[in-house]
């Protein structure tokens, strides 16, 4: 059974509204299901991880598995730091300037989206609900990350799945060559997307 949660969206309804919507859905469903998995793409994946943390800490349930498409995992990160260093990504030399400009664009978008998400609230962006990369990795059981080779969030996703895998021994990481952020938008047009969906069904 799959439920698609129409959670509150920022900036009209900023943090933590979307997380609380997800939490309410899980709390309502828990009496009817022995196992619950959470999934999301991009910012939705971050919200799923926040809901998972709250479910665990509040004693509602332990989420059975996490399926994350190109997740955003840290807010307010250093855009000059290792999580945004596109020099760590292999690419043919003549295409590196284009990739660098692409990363620079996403750095700007990252700041804009964070501002939308918190909407001027004075918050600690290193809080685990806002930045799951900084959460206790033991909280995330059976975690799968699917991401594109040239996604600017790739480095943070790799850092996240590494620490979750070391903590729990039950993590999966799938990287799709030639793909970038939001590749699910190409469903029906790019074979890699169909593969990602089939892989997700097997691992969820």
Protein backbone atom coordinates (compact mmCIF):
# COMPACT_ATOMS: atom_id res chain seq x y z
CA UNK A 1 0.00 0.00 0.00
CA UNK A 2 1.44 3.38 -1.03
CA UNK A 3 0.38 6.72 0.43
CA UNK A 4 1.41 9.97 -1.25
CA UNK A 5 1.42 12.67 1.44
CA UNK A 6 0.32 16.14 0.35
CA UNK A 7 2.45 17.82 2.99
CA UNK A 8 2.62 21.57 3.58
CA UNK A 9 4.99 23.45 1.32
CA UNK A 10 7.29 26.36 2.11
CA UNK A 11 7.51 29.31 2.08
CA UNK A 12 3.76 29.65 2.65
CA UNK A 13 3.98 26.98 5.36
CA UNK A 14 7.64 26.80 6.42
CA UNK A 15 9.54 24.35 8.60
CA UNK A 16 8.42 22.32 10.48
CA UNK A 17 4.94 22.19 8.88
CA UNK A 18 5.78 19.59 6.21
CA UNK A 19 7.52 17.35 8.74
CA UNK A 20 4.58 17.52 11.13
CA UNK A 21 2.20 16.56 8.31
CA UNK A 22 4.30 13.50 7.57
CA UNK A 23 4.49 12.62 11.24
CA UNK A 24 0.71 12.85 11.59
CA UNK A 25 0.21 10.47 8.66
CA UNK A 26 2.60 7.87 10.07
CA UNK A 27 1.00 8.13 13.52
CA UNK A 28 -2.44 7.60 11.99
CA UNK A 29 -1.31 4.61 9.90
CA UNK A 30 0.78 2.84 12.52
CA UNK A 31 -2.11 0.92 14.15
CA UNK A 32 -2.92 -0.71 10.80
CA UNK A 33 0.58 -1.66 9.59
CA UNK A 34 3.37 -3.73 11.10
CA UNK A 35 6.01 -2.18 8.85
CA UNK A 36 6.23 1.35 7.49
CA UNK A 37 8.73 2.66 4.97
CA UNK A 38 9.34 6.28 4.05
CA UNK A 39 10.41 7.68 0.72
CA UNK A 40 10.95 11.03 -0.93
CA UNK A 41 12.93 12.88 -3.55
CA UNK A 42 15.11 15.94 -3.05
CA UNK A 43 13.69 18.04 -0.19
CA UNK A 44 10.96 15.42 0.27
CA UNK A 45 13.67 12.90 1.13
CA UNK A 46 14.99 15.23 3.82
CA UNK A 47 11.47 15.55 5.24
CA UNK A 48 11.13 11.76 5.25
CA UNK A 49 14.32 11.46 7.29
CA UNK A 50 13.07 14.08 9.75
CA UNK A 51 9.78 12.20 10.16
CA UNK A 52 11.74 9.00 10.76
CA UNK A 53 13.76 10.64 13.53
CA UNK A 54 10.65 11.96 15.25
CA UNK A 55 8.84 8.62 14.99
CA UNK A 56 11.76 6.96 16.73
CA UNK A 57 12.33 9.57 19.43
CA UNK A 58 8.62 9.90 20.22
CA UNK A 59 8.08 6.16 20.48
CA UNK A 60 5.58 6.00 17.61
CA UNK A 61 7.55 3.39 15.67
CA UNK A 62 10.87 2.62 14.10
CA UNK A 63 10.69 3.16 10.35
CA UNK A 64 11.46 -0.11 8.60
CA UNK A 65 13.23 1.31 5.54
CA UNK A 66 14.12 4.59 3.82
CA UNK A 67 14.09 5.10 0.05
CA UNK A 68 15.73 8.37 -0.94
CA UNK A 69 16.01 9.84 -4.41
CA UNK A 70 18.75 12.51 -4.68
CA UNK A 71 18.15 13.75 -1.10
CA UNK A 72 19.07 17.14 0.29
CA UNK A 73 20.83 16.30 3.52
CA UNK A 74 22.31 19.44 5.02
CA UNK A 75 21.16 23.04 5.32
CA UNK A 76 23.49 26.02 5.43
CA UNK A 77 26.57 24.01 4.50
CA UNK A 78 29.87 25.56 3.48
CA UNK A 79 29.72 25.97 -0.28
CA UNK A 80 33.51 26.13 -0.33
CA UNK A 81 33.82 22.90 1.64
CA UNK A 82 34.27 19.28 0.60
CA UNK A 83 30.54 18.59 0.20
CA UNK A 84 30.42 21.05 -2.71
CA UNK A 85 33.88 20.48 -4.21
CA UNK A 86 33.12 19.50 -7.80
CA UNK A 87 36.82 18.79 -8.34
CA UNK A 88 36.15 15.49 -6.56
CA UNK A 89 33.84 14.42 -9.41
CA UNK A 90 35.46 12.67 -12.38
CA UNK A 91 34.64 14.19 -15.74
CA UNK A 92 36.44 14.71 -19.04
CA UNK A 93 38.57 17.89 -18.75
CA UNK A 94 36.80 19.87 -21.47
CA UNK A 95 33.45 19.49 -19.65
CA UNK A 96 34.71 20.45 -16.19
CA UNK A 97 34.06 24.23 -16.60
CA UNK A 98 30.41 23.52 -17.46
CA UNK A 99 30.01 21.24 -14.46
CA UNK A 100 31.62 23.84 -12.20
CA UNK A 101 29.15 26.49 -13.38
CA UNK A 102 26.33 24.00 -12.74
CA UNK A 103 27.53 23.47 -9.19
CA UNK A 104 27.74 27.23 -8.69
CA UNK A 105 24.12 27.56 -9.80
CA UNK A 106 23.05 24.92 -7.29
CA UNK A 107 24.98 26.65 -4.53
CA UNK A 108 22.85 29.73 -5.13
CA UNK A 109 19.68 27.64 -5.29
CA UNK A 110 20.67 25.85 -2.09
CA UNK A 111 20.80 29.17 -0.22
CA UNK A 112 17.52 30.36 -1.73
CA UNK A 113 15.70 27.12 -0.93
CA UNK A 114 16.99 27.10 2.65
CA UNK A 115 15.68 30.63 3.12
CA UNK A 116 12.30 29.57 1.74
CA UNK A 117 12.21 26.50 3.95
CA UNK A 118 12.87 28.31 7.24
CA UNK A 119 11.23 31.59 6.13
CA UNK A 120 13.30 33.88 8.33
CA UNK A 121 13.03 31.83 11.50
CA UNK A 122 16.06 31.96 13.77
CA UNK A 123 17.01 28.28 13.68
CA UNK A 124 20.10 26.17 14.17
CA UNK A 125 20.59 24.76 10.67
CA UNK A 126 22.79 22.01 12.09
CA UNK A 127 19.81 20.52 13.95
CA UNK A 128 19.36 16.89 12.78
CA UNK A 129 15.76 17.46 11.69
CA UNK A 130 16.98 20.16 9.30
CA UNK A 131 20.24 18.46 8.36
CA UNK A 132 19.87 14.65 8.47
CA UNK A 133 23.53 14.27 7.51
CA UNK A 134 24.28 15.42 11.07
CA UNK A 135 21.80 13.03 12.71
CA UNK A 136 22.63 9.79 14.50
CA UNK A 137 23.03 7.37 11.56
CA UNK A 138 21.82 4.45 13.68
CA UNK A 139 18.32 5.92 13.37
CA UNK A 140 18.04 5.09 9.68
CA UNK A 141 17.45 1.39 9.05
CA UNK A 142 17.57 -0.20 5.58
CA UNK A 143 18.45 2.97 3.72
CA UNK A 144 18.72 3.28 -0.05
CA UNK A 145 20.00 6.36 -1.89
CA UNK A 146 19.58 6.70 -5.66
CA UNK A 147 21.32 9.68 -7.24
CA UNK A 148 22.72 10.95 -10.52
CA UNK A 149 26.42 11.04 -11.38
CA UNK A 150 26.44 14.81 -11.84
CA UNK A 151 23.95 15.76 -9.11
CA UNK A 152 25.42 18.60 -7.01
CA UNK A 153 24.03 16.83 -3.92
CA UNK A 154 26.00 13.69 -4.75
CA UNK A 155 28.87 14.33 -2.34
CA UNK A 156 26.61 14.88 0.65
CA UNK A 157 24.59 11.82 -0.33
CA UNK A 158 27.77 9.73 -0.44
CA UNK A 159 28.86 11.04 2.97
CA UNK A 160 25.43 10.19 4.37
CA UNK A 161 25.13 6.67 2.97
CA UNK A 162 28.68 5.85 4.09
CA UNK A 163 27.98 6.74 7.70
CA UNK A 164 24.60 4.99 7.67
CA UNK A 165 26.16 1.88 6.15
CA UNK A 166 28.95 1.82 8.72
CA UNK A 167 26.41 2.27 11.53
CA UNK A 168 23.83 -0.28 10.40
CA UNK A 169 25.34 -2.48 7.70
CA UNK A 170 22.14 -2.30 5.65
CA UNK A 171 22.60 0.61 3.26
CA UNK A 172 22.39 0.69 -0.54
CA UNK A 173 23.79 3.36 -2.85
CA UNK A 174 22.97 3.49 -6.57
CA UNK A 175 24.50 6.14 -8.82
CA UNK A 176 23.24 6.64 -12.37
CA UNK A 177 25.81 7.67 -14.93
CA UNK A 178 25.15 10.85 -16.84
CA UNK A 179 22.15 11.81 -14.72
CA UNK A 180 21.74 14.93 -12.59
CA UNK A 181 19.24 16.19 -10.02
CA UNK A 182 15.51 15.46 -10.29
CA UNK A 183 15.93 12.70 -12.88
CA UNK A 184 12.55 11.23 -11.95
CA UNK A 185 11.11 14.05 -14.05
CA UNK A 186 12.24 12.03 -17.08
CA UNK A 187 10.09 9.00 -16.28
CA UNK A 188 9.11 7.31 -19.54
CA UNK A 189 11.87 9.02 -21.51
CA UNK A 190 15.18 7.87 -20.02
CA UNK A 191 15.94 4.16 -19.43
CA UNK A 192 17.94 4.93 -16.28
CA UNK A 193 14.81 6.31 -14.64
CA UNK A 194 12.89 3.10 -15.26
CA UNK A 195 15.80 1.17 -13.81
CA UNK A 196 15.78 3.44 -10.73
CA UNK A 197 12.08 2.81 -10.18
CA UNK A 198 12.50 -0.94 -10.52
CA UNK A 199 15.50 -0.86 -8.19
CA UNK A 200 13.53 1.13 -5.66
CA UNK A 201 10.69 -1.40 -5.75
CA UNK A 202 13.13 -4.23 -5.04
CA UNK A 203 14.90 -2.48 -2.19
CA UNK A 204 11.96 -0.81 -0.45
